Each structure stands twice: as structure tokens, then as C-alpha cells.
Amino acid sequence: MRKKCIAIIGGSNCTKEEARIAEEVGLLVAKKGAVVINGGLSGVMEHSSKGAKKGGGFVIGILPTADADDANKYVDVALPTGLGYARNVIVASADAVIAVGGSLGTLSEIAFALQRGAPVIGLGTWDIDKKRGGGKRVIKARNPKGAVEKVFRILDK
């Protein structure tokens, strides 16, 4: 059976609280046996990668740069694209998305994920309701455990 792939997205510059949340999300996703996909660099990407490794998980970093050595030290497979911020590649590769904080780049990733029909769970991120999201929305979670439980509840249907 194919492993589920969960994109964990958010800012490359994050607060200490967002870093803590991202690390816990990565850990919990890994413990569920899923692969973590992210942009492979710093901030939420690095902290979710670190958490995944603590949980015995596997991390794929889809890098905006052309150099695999740019990946953070927790990435197992670095895929250098040279495409700049190839956000759509990240969310197009995932079964679901968990967004932690983030700025306009994260908003772009969320919008693309919703357009392609992937579930998006949000932790302190952009609020997109069904009216603005064309019938789709960011599903809010209160904490990392709740976010991961919601993702797998949706994917396991």
C-alpha cells in the first residue's frame, strides 16, 4: 500500500511557537507512517522535518533552488528544482496539506491545494471560508494533534 504524503507548509521565517507547532506536526505525521513533504529549507519546513525525523519518518524536500545541498539537515530526499518558489509542486505532490502560520507564499499554496481538491488543515494560518474558497475551506485545528487527526480522518474515508 502506498504511503500517504502530507505537505507541511508555512513561513521560512517563523515564530518560536510556530516552530514548536511545526515540529510536533512533523512528529505526529511520521508516527502515522506518512511521508512529510515540504520546501526543504528553513522555518516551518526545517522544524517539520526535524519533528518527522524524531518520529522515525521520511522527509522529501522540494527545493526552490538548483542545489540539493541547500536542503536542511533533516531532509532525506532533496529534489532541487531551480524553479524559485515552486509552491505548487509541493502541494500538487501531497494527499493533504497542513498549514502552520505563514505569509503570502503560504496563502498561494493553500489556494492551489484547495483548487485541486486536497484537504487543507490550518493551525494559526489564513482563514478561507467556503464562500471565498469556491465551496472549499481551510479546516481549522486547535493544536497539532487535532490537525493530524483531522487529516487522517479525511484521508482514511
Protein backbone atom coordinates (compact mmCIF):
# COMPACT_ATOMS: atom_id res chain seq x y z
CA MET A 1 0.00 0.00 0.00
CA ARG A 2 1.28 3.45 -0.92
CA LYS A 3 2.24 5.71 1.98
CA LYS A 4 0.28 8.91 2.37
CA CYS A 5 2.19 12.12 1.64
CA ILE A 6 1.40 15.14 3.79
CA ALA A 7 2.68 18.60 2.87
CA ILE A 8 3.52 20.75 5.86
CA ILE A 9 3.69 24.36 4.75
CA GLY A 10 4.38 27.71 6.38
CA GLY A 11 6.86 30.52 6.52
CA SER A 12 10.60 30.25 6.05
CA ASN A 13 10.76 32.73 8.92
CA CYS A 14 8.58 31.56 11.78
CA THR A 15 7.99 32.38 15.40
CA LYS A 16 9.19 30.11 18.21
CA GLU A 17 5.59 28.97 18.71
CA GLU A 18 5.15 28.16 15.01
CA ALA A 19 8.46 26.26 15.12
CA ARG A 20 7.23 24.21 18.08
CA ILE A 21 3.92 23.51 16.36
CA ALA A 22 5.60 22.54 13.06
CA GLU A 23 7.95 20.15 14.85
CA GLU A 24 5.07 18.47 16.66
CA VAL A 25 3.05 18.18 13.44
CA GLY A 26 6.02 16.57 11.68
CA LEU A 27 6.48 14.13 14.56
CA LEU A 28 2.81 13.12 14.61
CA VAL A 29 2.61 12.73 10.82
CA ALA A 30 5.69 10.48 10.90
CA LYS A 31 4.24 8.38 13.71
CA LYS A 32 1.18 7.80 11.49
CA GLY A 33 3.51 6.32 8.87
CA ALA A 34 3.12 9.10 6.32
CA VAL A 35 5.82 10.89 4.34
CA VAL A 36 6.39 14.59 5.07
CA ILE A 37 6.78 16.84 2.02
CA ASN A 38 7.90 20.44 2.33
CA GLY A 39 10.11 23.07 0.70
CA GLY A 40 13.20 21.63 2.37
CA LEU A 41 14.61 24.91 3.62
CA SER A 42 14.27 26.85 6.91
CA GLY A 43 11.47 27.88 9.26
CA VAL A 44 8.36 25.71 9.30
CA MET A 45 9.98 23.47 6.68
CA GLU A 46 13.03 22.72 8.84
CA HIS A 47 11.07 22.29 12.06
CA SER A 48 8.51 19.94 10.50
CA SER A 49 11.41 17.95 9.01
CA LYS A 50 13.10 17.76 12.41
CA GLY A 51 9.90 16.50 14.02
CA ALA A 52 9.40 13.90 11.32
CA LYS A 53 12.91 12.55 11.87
CA LYS A 54 12.30 12.38 15.64
CA GLY A 55 9.23 10.28 14.84
CA GLY A 56 11.20 7.91 12.61
CA GLY A 57 9.71 9.40 9.47
CA PHE A 58 10.82 10.16 5.94
CA VAL A 59 11.10 13.70 4.54
CA ILE A 60 11.05 14.86 0.93
CA GLY A 61 12.21 18.43 0.37
CA ILE A 62 11.16 20.02 -2.93
CA LEU A 63 13.69 22.83 -3.11
CA PRO A 64 13.19 26.13 -4.93
CA THR A 65 16.94 26.20 -5.64
CA ALA A 66 19.02 24.15 -8.06
CA ASP A 67 21.35 22.81 -5.35
CA ALA A 68 20.41 19.79 -3.22
CA ASP A 69 22.95 20.94 -0.61
CA ASP A 70 20.62 23.84 0.24
CA ALA A 71 18.25 21.41 1.99
CA ASN A 72 18.03 21.43 5.75
CA LYS A 73 19.84 18.60 7.53
CA TYR A 74 16.66 16.64 8.26
CA VAL A 75 15.61 16.11 4.62
CA ASP A 76 16.04 12.52 3.37
CA VAL A 77 15.49 13.21 -0.32
CA ALA A 78 16.19 16.69 -1.67
CA LEU A 79 14.66 17.44 -5.05
CA PRO A 80 16.29 20.64 -6.35
CA THR A 81 14.03 22.27 -8.93
CA GLY A 82 15.73 25.56 -9.74
CA LEU A 83 12.20 26.91 -10.24
CA GLY A 84 12.24 29.51 -7.49
CA TYR A 85 9.45 29.09 -5.03
CA ALA A 86 7.79 26.08 -6.62
CA ARG A 87 4.96 26.02 -4.13
CA ASN A 88 2.56 24.32 -6.46
CA VAL A 89 4.90 21.36 -6.91
CA ILE A 90 4.87 20.81 -3.15
CA VAL A 91 1.10 20.84 -2.72
CA ALA A 92 0.49 19.01 -6.02
CA SER A 93 2.59 16.14 -4.66
CA ALA A 94 0.64 15.75 -1.42
CA ASP A 95 -2.51 13.91 -0.42
CA ALA A 96 -3.27 16.64 2.12
CA VAL A 97 -1.80 19.87 3.46
CA ILE A 98 -1.25 21.14 6.99
CA ALA A 99 -0.52 24.88 7.08
CA VAL A 100 1.30 26.36 10.09
CA GLY A 101 1.26 30.17 10.22
CA GLY A 102 2.75 31.63 7.07
CA SER A 103 2.54 34.67 4.89
CA LEU A 104 1.54 35.32 1.28
CA GLY A 105 3.50 32.36 -0.09
CA THR A 106 1.58 30.08 2.25
CA LEU A 107 -1.67 31.66 1.09
CA SER A 108 -0.71 30.83 -2.50
CA GLU A 109 -0.01 27.20 -1.56
CA ILE A 110 -3.30 26.94 0.33
CA ALA A 111 -5.25 28.33 -2.63
CA PHE A 112 -3.64 25.88 -5.05
CA ALA A 113 -4.30 22.93 -2.73
CA LEU A 114 -7.96 23.90 -2.35
CA GLN A 115 -8.33 24.34 -6.12
CA ARG A 116 -7.04 20.82 -6.74
CA GLY A 117 -9.34 19.41 -4.04
CA ALA A 118 -6.77 18.49 -1.41
CA PRO A 119 -7.85 18.84 2.22
CA VAL A 120 -6.13 21.74 3.99
CA ILE A 121 -5.91 21.86 7.78
CA GLY A 122 -4.85 25.17 9.30
CA LEU A 123 -3.01 25.97 12.50
CA GLY A 124 -2.89 29.74 13.00
CA THR A 125 -2.91 30.37 9.27
CA TRP A 126 -5.10 32.03 6.67
CA ASP A 127 -8.85 31.79 7.13
CA ILE A 128 -10.55 30.83 3.89
CA ASP A 129 -14.23 30.07 4.25
CA LYS A 130 -16.47 28.20 1.79
CA LYS A 131 -17.82 31.42 0.28
CA ARG A 132 -14.36 32.77 -0.60
CA GLY A 133 -12.97 29.33 -1.37
CA GLY A 134 -15.47 28.35 -4.03
CA GLY A 135 -17.16 25.83 -1.76
CA LYS A 136 -13.90 24.69 -0.18
CA ARG A 137 -12.31 25.91 3.02
CA VAL A 138 -9.35 25.66 5.34
CA ILE A 139 -10.35 23.33 8.16
CA LYS A 140 -9.19 24.86 11.42
CA ALA A 141 -7.44 22.87 14.12
CA ARG A 142 -6.66 23.96 17.66
CA ASN A 143 -3.42 22.06 18.07
CA PRO A 144 -1.01 19.74 16.23
CA LYS A 145 -2.70 16.56 17.45
CA GLY A 146 -6.09 17.80 16.25
CA ALA A 147 -4.65 18.81 12.86
CA VAL A 148 -3.09 15.41 12.24
CA GLU A 149 -6.18 13.55 13.45
CA LYS A 150 -8.37 15.60 11.08
CA VAL A 151 -6.08 14.94 8.11
CA PHE A 152 -6.09 11.18 8.63
CA ARG A 153 -9.80 11.05 9.37
CA ILE A 154 -10.42 12.68 5.98
CA LEU A 155 -7.87 10.57 4.10
CA ASP A 156 -8.99 7.29 5.67
CA LYS A 157 -12.62 7.73 4.48
